[in-house]
Amino acid sequence: MSRIIVFSDIHYRCGVDGLGHDPDERLAAGLAHARARVPDAERIVIMGDLAHNGDAPSYRRLRDRLASAHLPVHLMLGNMLGNHDNRAAFRAVFPETARNAGGFVQELIDVGPVRLILLETLDAHADRTARGHARRLCDARLEWLTHALDSAERPALVFMHHPPHDTGFAAMDAIKLANGAAFYDVVLRLGNVRQILCGHVHRTISGHHRGLPFAVLKSTMGQMPLDFFGTDSSAEVAEPPAFGILDIRQDYVTLQTEDF
């Protein structure tokens, strides 16, 4: 058995957000809660939107916090629509973070009976901020994903910041993964993906798309309001933050969410 703690959308900055939340205090509380409630967890994955403005001071603040984490931490990059994660600034502060030969912040982790695939969904062109090019899997990453699945010899769980399909919220569906159909063509062709985990939307959502189950996790900061028709992707409400708990067994995997 293995348990994995999953955070998403921690939005580090030097100061508080519009709701008065300090991201460092929120993540510290989440880490402490996870340590107390899930003492047998073996690692932590943070699924992107690490820094709200993609700046080096925010990444350094995050690095200081993670230095005291009680478990190995695997970091992913998230949104980049003129703000949020910045690959160059991130690499400068976290030079040791796993990346593949193409320079993308991606990682394969074999945990007991499954393979965890951490997939970067930022645009292939390092630091472009145009909305139409900020959330796409290039051919190189689709090939990497194909190899990661083909060589797994076990079921796989795919972690990615942007959902590769609609989730029912107009504002966030407008900025989902731009080429989700290409992603699904790969994972369905290989046939060994059992779960897709995403962030980005700041809500707890689950369902299935093209026959594959997916889950979206809440943020440690503000949450997306229950507004299916609104077009403001920055709208937030002060609902409780949360993290996910993956419970990996020989014959099944469960995902639970815990507010804190």
Protein backbone atom coordinates (compact mmCIF):
# COMPACT_ATOMS: atom_id res chain seq x y z
CA MET A 1 0.00 0.00 0.00
CA SER A 2 1.14 3.55 -0.76
CA ARG A 3 -0.46 6.88 0.06
CA ILE A 4 0.29 10.07 -1.87
CA ILE A 5 -0.69 13.59 -0.76
CA VAL A 6 -1.77 15.82 -3.66
CA PHE A 7 -1.98 19.62 -3.50
CA SER A 8 -2.81 21.97 -6.36
CA ASP A 9 -3.00 25.68 -7.12
CA ILE A 10 -1.04 26.97 -4.14
CA HIS A 11 -0.48 30.39 -5.80
CA TYR A 12 2.53 31.55 -3.80
CA ARG A 13 3.18 35.27 -3.60
CA CYS A 14 4.93 37.65 -1.23
CA GLY A 15 1.86 38.86 0.61
CA VAL A 16 -1.84 37.98 0.75
CA ASP A 17 -4.43 37.48 -1.99
CA GLY A 18 -7.65 39.40 -2.54
CA LEU A 19 -9.41 37.32 0.12
CA GLY A 20 -6.70 38.08 2.68
CA HIS A 21 -5.16 34.59 2.53
CA ASP A 22 -1.41 34.15 2.90
CA PRO A 23 -0.37 31.24 0.65
CA ASP A 24 2.53 30.28 2.91
CA GLU A 25 0.27 30.05 5.95
CA ARG A 26 -2.28 28.04 3.97
CA LEU A 27 0.24 25.54 2.65
CA ALA A 28 1.88 25.23 6.07
CA ALA A 29 -1.53 24.41 7.56
CA GLY A 30 -2.18 21.87 4.81
CA LEU A 31 1.17 20.17 5.29
CA ALA A 32 0.65 20.01 9.05
CA HIS A 33 -2.86 18.61 8.61
CA ALA A 34 -1.62 15.99 6.15
CA ARG A 35 1.17 14.96 8.49
CA ALA A 36 -1.27 14.53 11.37
CA ARG A 37 -4.07 12.79 9.47
CA VAL A 38 -2.07 10.75 6.95
CA PRO A 39 1.12 9.83 8.85
CA ASP A 40 1.92 6.92 6.55
CA ALA A 41 1.97 8.99 3.32
CA GLU A 42 5.19 8.57 1.39
CA ARG A 43 5.35 11.57 -0.93
CA ILE A 44 3.65 14.81 -1.94
CA VAL A 45 2.74 16.00 -5.45
CA ILE A 46 1.86 19.67 -6.09
CA MET A 47 0.05 20.03 -9.43
CA GLY A 48 0.97 23.51 -10.58
CA ASP A 49 0.15 27.17 -10.25
CA LEU A 50 2.97 27.21 -7.75
CA ALA A 51 3.58 30.97 -7.94
CA HIS A 52 0.75 33.39 -8.69
CA ASN A 53 2.95 35.86 -10.57
CA GLY A 54 5.72 33.50 -11.69
CA ASP A 55 8.37 35.57 -9.88
CA ALA A 56 11.59 34.38 -8.25
CA PRO A 57 10.83 35.77 -4.75
CA SER A 58 7.60 33.74 -4.62
CA TYR A 59 9.41 30.58 -5.72
CA ARG A 60 12.08 31.22 -3.07
CA ARG A 61 9.37 31.61 -0.44
CA LEU A 62 7.92 28.28 -1.54
CA ARG A 63 11.34 26.63 -1.46
CA ASP A 64 11.83 27.80 2.13
CA ARG A 65 8.49 26.27 3.10
CA LEU A 66 9.18 22.96 1.38
CA ALA A 67 12.56 22.67 3.08
CA SER A 68 10.66 21.72 6.22
CA ALA A 69 8.29 19.27 4.48
CA HIS A 70 8.38 15.84 6.07
CA LEU A 71 8.13 13.97 2.76
CA PRO A 72 9.70 14.11 -0.72
CA VAL A 73 7.88 16.73 -2.82
CA HIS A 74 7.32 16.53 -6.58
CA LEU A 75 6.52 19.85 -8.25
CA MET A 76 4.60 20.53 -11.45
CA LEU A 77 4.01 23.72 -13.43
CA GLY A 78 0.57 25.13 -14.08
CA ASN A 79 -1.14 27.99 -15.82
CA MET A 80 0.66 30.81 -17.60
CA LEU A 81 -1.76 33.41 -18.95
CA GLY A 82 0.47 36.37 -18.37
CA ASN A 83 0.84 35.35 -14.73
CA HIS A 84 1.19 32.25 -12.57
CA ASP A 85 4.04 29.81 -13.31
CA ASN A 86 7.13 30.85 -15.25
CA ARG A 87 9.39 28.01 -16.35
CA ALA A 88 12.64 30.01 -16.40
CA ALA A 89 12.12 31.56 -12.96
CA PHE A 90 11.08 28.19 -11.55
CA ARG A 91 14.17 26.43 -12.90
CA ALA A 92 16.44 29.10 -11.42
CA VAL A 93 15.05 28.51 -7.91
CA PHE A 94 14.47 24.73 -8.21
CA PRO A 95 17.33 23.58 -10.48
CA GLU A 96 17.20 20.02 -9.11
CA THR A 97 13.56 19.40 -10.08
CA ALA A 98 13.11 16.49 -12.45
CA ARG A 99 12.73 17.34 -16.12
CA ASN A 100 12.93 15.35 -19.33
CA ALA A 101 15.36 15.75 -22.22
CA GLY A 102 13.20 18.45 -23.79
CA GLY A 103 13.48 20.62 -20.68
CA PHE A 104 9.88 20.08 -19.57
CA VAL A 105 9.17 19.63 -15.88
CA GLN A 106 7.91 16.06 -16.12
CA GLU A 107 8.53 12.94 -14.11
CA LEU A 108 7.76 9.22 -13.92
CA ILE A 109 7.34 7.61 -10.50
CA ASP A 110 6.67 3.90 -10.15
CA VAL A 111 4.80 3.32 -6.90
CA GLY A 112 3.95 -0.28 -6.13
CA PRO A 113 1.52 -1.54 -8.80
CA VAL A 114 1.08 1.78 -10.67
CA ARG A 115 3.08 4.39 -12.55
CA LEU A 116 2.55 8.07 -11.74
CA ILE A 117 3.05 10.30 -14.80
CA LEU A 118 3.56 14.00 -14.02
CA LEU A 119 2.87 15.84 -17.27
CA GLU A 120 3.58 19.52 -17.93
CA THR A 121 0.82 21.29 -19.84
CA LEU A 122 2.47 24.70 -20.34
CA ASP A 123 2.97 25.70 -23.96
CA ALA A 124 6.01 24.27 -25.71
CA HIS A 125 7.47 27.72 -26.36
CA ALA A 126 9.23 28.42 -23.08
CA ASP A 127 7.70 31.65 -21.86
CA ARG A 128 4.97 32.72 -24.24
CA THR A 129 2.01 34.22 -22.44
CA ALA A 130 -0.62 34.46 -25.18
CA ARG A 131 -3.88 32.87 -24.06
CA GLY A 132 -4.13 30.64 -27.10
CA HIS A 133 -0.70 29.11 -26.60
CA ALA A 134 -0.37 28.70 -22.84
CA ARG A 135 -1.95 25.29 -22.32
CA ARG A 136 -1.03 22.86 -25.05
CA LEU A 137 0.82 19.55 -25.25
CA CYS A 138 3.36 19.74 -28.07
CA ASP A 139 4.29 16.74 -30.21
CA ALA A 140 7.42 16.13 -28.12
CA ARG A 141 5.39 15.75 -24.94
CA LEU A 142 2.78 13.59 -26.59
CA GLU A 143 5.63 11.32 -27.73
CA TRP A 144 7.06 11.34 -24.19
CA LEU A 145 3.65 10.42 -22.81
CA THR A 146 3.33 7.61 -25.35
CA HIS A 147 6.70 6.17 -24.28
CA ALA A 148 5.88 6.62 -20.58
CA LEU A 149 2.70 4.59 -20.98
CA ASP A 150 4.14 2.03 -23.38
CA SER A 151 7.07 1.26 -21.06
CA ALA A 152 5.06 1.23 -17.83
CA GLU A 153 4.08 -2.46 -17.81
CA ARG A 154 1.48 -1.49 -15.20
CA PRO A 155 -1.58 0.76 -14.84
CA ALA A 156 -0.86 4.50 -14.88
CA LEU A 157 -2.21 7.61 -13.19
CA VAL A 158 -1.69 10.86 -15.12
CA PHE A 159 -1.26 14.17 -13.24
CA MET A 160 -1.71 17.37 -15.27
CA HIS A 161 -2.61 20.92 -14.31
CA HIS A 162 -5.15 21.71 -17.04
CA PRO A 163 -8.17 19.43 -17.48
CA PRO A 164 -8.11 17.99 -21.00
CA HIS A 165 -11.90 18.33 -21.37
CA ASP A 166 -14.80 20.50 -20.24
CA THR A 167 -15.81 20.44 -16.58
CA GLY A 168 -19.06 22.41 -16.90
CA PHE A 169 -17.81 25.86 -15.86
CA ALA A 170 -17.81 28.23 -18.83
CA ALA A 171 -15.01 30.44 -17.50
CA MET A 172 -12.60 27.57 -16.88
CA ASP A 173 -13.61 25.49 -19.90
CA ALA A 174 -12.46 28.43 -22.04
CA ILE A 175 -8.93 27.92 -20.72
CA LYS A 176 -8.76 24.13 -20.45
CA LEU A 177 -6.03 22.17 -22.27
CA ALA A 178 -6.22 23.40 -25.86
CA ASN A 179 -5.58 20.02 -27.50
CA GLY A 180 -7.25 17.64 -25.10
CA ALA A 181 -8.47 15.42 -27.93
CA ALA A 182 -4.87 14.64 -28.90
CA PHE A 183 -4.09 13.75 -25.27
CA TYR A 184 -7.05 11.38 -25.11
CA ASP A 185 -6.12 9.78 -28.43
CA VAL A 186 -2.76 8.79 -26.89
CA VAL A 187 -4.01 7.50 -23.56
CA LEU A 188 -6.92 5.57 -25.08
CA ARG A 189 -4.66 3.99 -27.69
CA LEU A 190 -2.27 2.69 -25.04
CA GLY A 191 -5.09 1.59 -22.77
CA ASN A 192 -3.40 1.51 -19.35
CA VAL A 193 -4.45 4.87 -17.84
CA ARG A 194 -6.75 4.32 -14.86
CA GLN A 195 -7.17 7.87 -13.54
CA ILE A 196 -6.49 11.47 -14.61
CA LEU A 197 -5.86 14.05 -11.88
CA CYS A 198 -6.04 17.79 -12.57
CA GLY A 199 -6.07 21.16 -10.85
CA HIS A 200 -6.71 24.59 -12.40
CA VAL A 201 -10.46 24.88 -11.67
CA HIS A 202 -10.23 25.29 -7.86
CA ARG A 203 -13.17 22.93 -7.24
CA THR A 204 -13.66 19.29 -6.32
CA ILE A 205 -15.00 17.67 -9.48
CA SER A 206 -15.07 14.06 -10.66
CA GLY A 207 -16.52 12.19 -13.59
CA HIS A 208 -15.41 10.45 -16.75
CA HIS A 209 -14.59 11.54 -20.28
CA ARG A 210 -14.34 9.17 -23.23
CA GLY A 211 -14.59 6.34 -20.72
CA LEU A 212 -11.71 7.42 -18.44
CA PRO A 213 -12.27 8.64 -14.87
CA PHE A 214 -10.93 12.05 -13.91
CA ALA A 215 -10.77 14.14 -10.75
CA VAL A 216 -10.14 17.86 -10.25
CA LEU A 217 -8.84 19.06 -6.89
CA LYS A 218 -9.47 22.26 -4.95
CA SER A 219 -6.86 24.93 -4.29
CA THR A 220 -5.17 25.80 -1.02
CA MET A 221 -6.33 29.37 -1.70
CA GLY A 222 -9.73 30.70 -2.90
CA GLN A 223 -12.16 28.34 -4.64
CA MET A 224 -14.11 28.66 -7.87
CA PRO A 225 -17.71 29.72 -7.10
CA LEU A 226 -20.59 27.53 -8.18
CA ASP A 227 -21.36 29.56 -11.30
CA PHE A 228 -21.73 27.46 -14.42
CA PHE A 229 -22.31 30.39 -16.77
CA GLY A 230 -19.96 33.14 -15.54
CA THR A 231 -17.00 34.11 -17.69
CA ASP A 232 -14.63 35.41 -14.98
CA SER A 233 -11.94 32.74 -14.55
CA SER A 234 -10.45 34.72 -11.64
CA ALA A 235 -13.63 34.64 -9.51
CA GLU A 236 -13.01 33.18 -6.05
CA VAL A 237 -14.92 32.49 -2.86
CA ALA A 238 -13.57 31.86 0.63
CA GLU A 239 -14.46 28.17 0.90
CA PRO A 240 -12.14 25.80 2.80
CA PRO A 241 -8.90 24.70 1.13
CA ALA A 242 -8.26 21.00 0.56
CA PHE A 243 -5.77 18.37 -0.57
CA GLY A 244 -6.17 14.92 -2.10
CA ILE A 245 -5.09 11.56 -0.72
CA LEU A 246 -4.31 8.80 -3.21
CA ASP A 247 -4.54 5.36 -1.62
CA ILE A 248 -2.76 2.91 -3.91
CA ARG A 249 -3.35 -0.80 -3.32
CA GLN A 250 -2.47 -3.86 -5.33
CA ASP A 251 -5.94 -4.19 -6.85
CA TYR A 252 -7.45 -0.70 -6.59
CA VAL A 253 -6.75 3.02 -6.20
CA THR A 254 -8.95 5.51 -4.35
CA LEU A 255 -8.78 9.30 -4.23
CA GLN A 256 -10.16 11.11 -1.19
CA THR A 257 -10.23 14.85 -0.55
CA GLU A 258 -9.72 16.48 2.81
CA ASP A 259 -10.70 20.05 3.69
CA PHE A 260 -8.52 21.73 6.29
